[in-house]
Each structure stands twice: as C-alpha cells, then as structure tokens.
Amino acid sequence: MDHETDNQAATQVAHSRNENPAPASGGEPDATKPRPRQTGFALMDPERRKAIASAGGKAAHARGTAHRFDSHAASEAGRRAHQRGTAHVWTPEAAREAGRKGGRAARKRAQAAAAAAAAAPTDTLPEAT
C-alpha cells in the first residue's frame, strides 16, 4: 500500500466514525471536524455508571475518606459565598414565594402519605392483645 492509499483508508475510517457528516457545500468550518468518540463512562449506560459511582461512594465511606456535608461545612460554604459576594440575596417577595412553595410541597407530601396510609391494607398491622 502506498502513502496515498493509507490516507484514503484513514479518511474513510474517520468519516465512518462521524455520526453527523458535514454538508457537501456551505455550513460552518467546524462542521467538517469529526465529533470525538465517546469512551469510558460516556459510553456506558446510566445504570452501569450509577452502580460504579455507588460502589466508589461506599468504598470511600468504608475507608473513612468520604466527604460529609454537615451543618458546619454548610455554614463555612455560606460564609465563603457571602465574603466573595456570590451569595444569593433574597428580596422580601422572593422569600415569601419560596416559603409558599415549600409549604405547598410539604402539604402535598403529607396528603400523599395520608392517602397511601388510607389505601394500605389494615391486616398488615400486628393485632393488639
């Protein structure tokens, strides 16, 4: 095989990997570049990625090296945001709306729990003696 044939073969392989080939005329200059192939985690299905991430988190907790976002860490994060000036500043109207949304969400959860409890069979509870 000569050099010209090698280039043609490489070009064919590159174009076969490109799922969205560039239009023959016109279009953007970046459209002629092949998209990068997905590898590693990007190639996996979401369930597999979740299983791997879960295993990693469990291992980190078992070793004691996992990060725990407790109230002290949250306080520090908020303090840093305020010092940098990137913290969210609530207007009275926005705070009221957020409170209403939270109240509605809590009420919906309570109603759903009550409906589920009412629909549950009563024979699953132990009998009082």
Protein backbone atom coordinates (compact mmCIF):
# COMPACT_ATOMS: atom_id res chain seq x y z
CA MET A 1 0.00 0.00 0.00
CA ASP A 2 1.33 3.42 -0.82
CA HIS A 3 1.02 6.60 1.19
CA GLU A 4 -2.00 7.88 -0.80
CA THR A 5 -3.97 4.67 -0.14
CA ASP A 6 -3.16 4.85 3.58
CA ASN A 7 -4.55 8.39 3.73
CA GLN A 8 -7.72 7.37 1.92
CA ALA A 9 -8.28 4.44 4.29
CA ALA A 10 -7.73 6.66 7.34
CA THR A 11 -10.14 9.25 5.94
CA GLN A 12 -12.81 6.60 5.34
CA VAL A 13 -12.45 5.31 8.90
CA ALA A 14 -12.64 8.84 10.31
CA HIS A 15 -15.77 9.62 8.26
CA SER A 16 -17.43 6.35 9.25
CA ARG A 17 -16.99 7.30 12.93
CA ASN A 18 -18.55 10.69 12.37
CA GLU A 19 -22.29 10.32 13.01
CA ASN A 20 -23.15 13.76 11.63
CA PRO A 21 -21.11 14.31 8.47
CA ALA A 22 -20.70 17.87 7.24
CA PRO A 23 -22.84 19.09 4.36
CA ALA A 24 -21.18 18.98 0.93
CA SER A 25 -21.39 22.74 0.49
CA GLY A 26 -21.84 25.59 2.92
CA GLY A 27 -22.10 25.06 6.63
CA GLU A 28 -19.73 26.05 9.36
CA PRO A 29 -15.99 25.31 9.20
CA ASP A 30 -16.25 23.28 12.44
CA ALA A 31 -18.84 21.03 10.83
CA THR A 32 -16.11 19.25 8.85
CA LYS A 33 -14.35 18.07 12.00
CA PRO A 34 -15.42 14.63 13.22
CA ARG A 35 -17.02 14.51 16.64
CA PRO A 36 -14.86 12.90 19.31
CA ARG A 37 -15.72 9.31 20.07
CA GLN A 38 -17.31 8.55 23.39
CA THR A 39 -15.08 6.47 25.63
CA GLY A 40 -15.10 5.33 29.23
CA PHE A 41 -18.03 6.48 31.33
CA ALA A 42 -19.63 8.37 28.45
CA LEU A 43 -20.01 5.10 26.58
CA MET A 44 -21.66 3.25 29.48
CA ASP A 45 -25.37 3.04 30.07
CA PRO A 46 -26.65 5.14 33.01
CA GLU A 47 -27.37 2.13 35.24
CA ARG A 48 -23.77 0.91 34.93
CA ARG A 49 -22.39 4.40 35.70
CA LYS A 50 -24.67 4.61 38.75
CA ALA A 51 -23.51 1.21 40.02
CA ILE A 52 -19.84 2.18 39.69
CA ALA A 53 -20.39 5.54 41.41
CA SER A 54 -22.32 3.84 44.20
CA ALA A 55 -19.54 1.31 44.76
CA GLY A 56 -16.99 4.12 44.88
CA GLY A 57 -19.01 6.07 47.42
CA LYS A 58 -19.47 3.01 49.63
CA ALA A 59 -15.74 2.27 49.48
CA ALA A 60 -14.87 5.86 50.43
CA HIS A 61 -17.24 5.75 53.40
CA ALA A 62 -15.81 2.38 54.47
CA ARG A 63 -12.27 3.84 54.39
CA GLY A 64 -13.42 6.98 56.19
CA THR A 65 -12.24 9.29 53.38
CA ALA A 66 -15.69 10.32 52.10
CA HIS A 67 -16.74 13.95 52.35
CA ARG A 68 -19.66 14.61 54.63
CA PHE A 69 -21.55 17.83 54.10
CA ASP A 70 -22.72 18.56 57.64
CA SER A 71 -24.09 21.75 59.13
CA HIS A 72 -20.59 23.05 59.90
CA ALA A 73 -19.46 22.57 56.28
CA ALA A 74 -22.67 24.23 55.06
CA SER A 75 -22.05 27.18 57.36
CA GLU A 76 -18.50 27.55 56.04
CA ALA A 77 -19.70 27.38 52.43
CA GLY A 78 -22.29 30.07 53.07
CA ARG A 79 -19.75 32.26 54.82
CA ARG A 80 -17.33 32.00 51.89
CA ALA A 81 -20.10 32.85 49.42
CA HIS A 82 -21.02 35.96 51.40
CA GLN A 83 -17.37 37.03 51.66
CA ARG A 84 -16.92 36.71 47.90
CA GLY A 85 -20.20 38.44 47.22
CA THR A 86 -21.63 35.49 45.28
CA ALA A 87 -24.30 34.56 47.81
CA HIS A 88 -27.94 34.83 46.78
CA VAL A 89 -29.63 37.92 48.18
CA TRP A 90 -33.31 37.40 48.92
CA THR A 91 -35.83 40.11 48.31
CA PRO A 92 -38.85 40.02 50.61
CA GLU A 93 -41.08 38.98 47.69
CA ALA A 94 -38.75 36.15 46.66
CA ALA A 95 -38.52 34.89 50.25
CA ARG A 96 -42.32 34.84 50.58
CA GLU A 97 -42.68 32.93 47.30
CA ALA A 98 -40.05 30.39 48.37
CA GLY A 99 -41.90 29.89 51.66
CA ARG A 100 -45.19 29.37 49.84
CA LYS A 101 -43.59 26.82 47.51
CA GLY A 102 -42.10 24.93 50.45
CA GLY A 103 -45.42 24.93 52.27
CA ARG A 104 -47.28 23.65 49.22
CA ALA A 105 -44.71 20.89 48.67
CA ALA A 106 -44.89 19.79 52.32
CA ARG A 107 -48.68 19.78 52.22
CA LYS A 108 -48.65 17.68 49.04
CA ARG A 109 -46.25 15.14 50.61
CA ALA A 110 -48.40 14.90 53.74
CA GLN A 111 -51.57 14.40 51.69
CA ALA A 112 -49.88 11.71 49.56
CA ALA A 113 -48.66 9.90 52.68
CA ALA A 114 -52.11 10.05 54.24
CA ALA A 115 -53.71 8.72 51.05
CA ALA A 116 -51.18 5.89 50.87
CA ALA A 117 -51.78 5.02 54.50
CA ALA A 118 -55.55 5.00 53.98
CA ALA A 119 -55.21 2.77 50.92
CA ALA A 120 -52.87 0.30 52.65
CA PRO A 121 -54.46 -2.93 53.91
CA THR A 122 -55.07 -2.91 57.64
CA ASP A 123 -54.29 -6.61 58.15
CA THR A 124 -50.52 -5.95 57.94
CA LEU A 125 -50.52 -4.38 61.42
CA PRO A 126 -49.94 -6.71 64.41
CA GLU A 127 -53.01 -7.42 66.45
CA ALA A 128 -53.26 -5.91 69.91
CA THR A 129 -53.69 -8.44 72.68
